[in-house]
């Protein structure tokens, strides 16, 4: 089966060639990325964020804006606790993130990878199993899950657009205002989810990461997930989400970052 490197690039909504976004050169020296029209169409959110004194204020502003615009009920309850009022289910970005937190090859994860494909032009190289070409059974399975109608209600991709722009704002203004990269770690037991582009020596590689992958700022946490530790300096524009950036996010203990794929310089340590 051809390696994931054979997958073609798609179009994107961030205004740079997809091949550049995916390149090791971009990941070494990144430029800001913004999804076309999102900030311009959501001025009230960024006016609220500009008044935030800390991350807690910013998180609260984002929550209130998403509830107002998309009618989200993050409790996802089917009733009001006995009053007899039925609440309609509304698909939310939070449901997708929680689904990813439990399984990065889940149907929810397929929708997140589909958003990366749509906005950044990066196709996945792994979903449940390695994907070699767009004709693979593995790719067709990914597409089927990505397009599941139960997730594509309530403008779910637009919700993810706002999540990405919120994350970019708080990273640049509150969390890492003087930094271009953050050092992250990933524990693996093999490279089946990624593709080795170049090997410099036993410890240093250029690795093509899957279109979306989980990392952590805590090396000890990475140790819990595999005997091989990948260390990567990830550019801030390639971060979709970090679970410490929303005070109401329920899965926060692993200090997880969702990293958008491409070719990265990686240091490898094996136990």
Foldseek 3Di string as FASTA:
>chain_A
DAALVPEDFADAQFPDDLQCVQAQVCFVPPDATAGPPLCVVPVVLVVQVVPDPALASNLVSLVVVCCVLQVDDVVQDQDDVPPPDGDDGFAEPLVLVVQCVVPCLDLSVLLVQVLLCHHSRAHFQDRPFGDRYCPDPRNVVSVVSNVPPVRPGSPHSSNLSVLQVSQLVCCCPHNPVPDFWAKWKAADADQRRWAFPADPDPWKTWIWHTQKDKTANDVVLRVVHHQKMKIFTGGSNQWSDWQVSHPPRDPHPRRMTIGGTHITIITMDGD
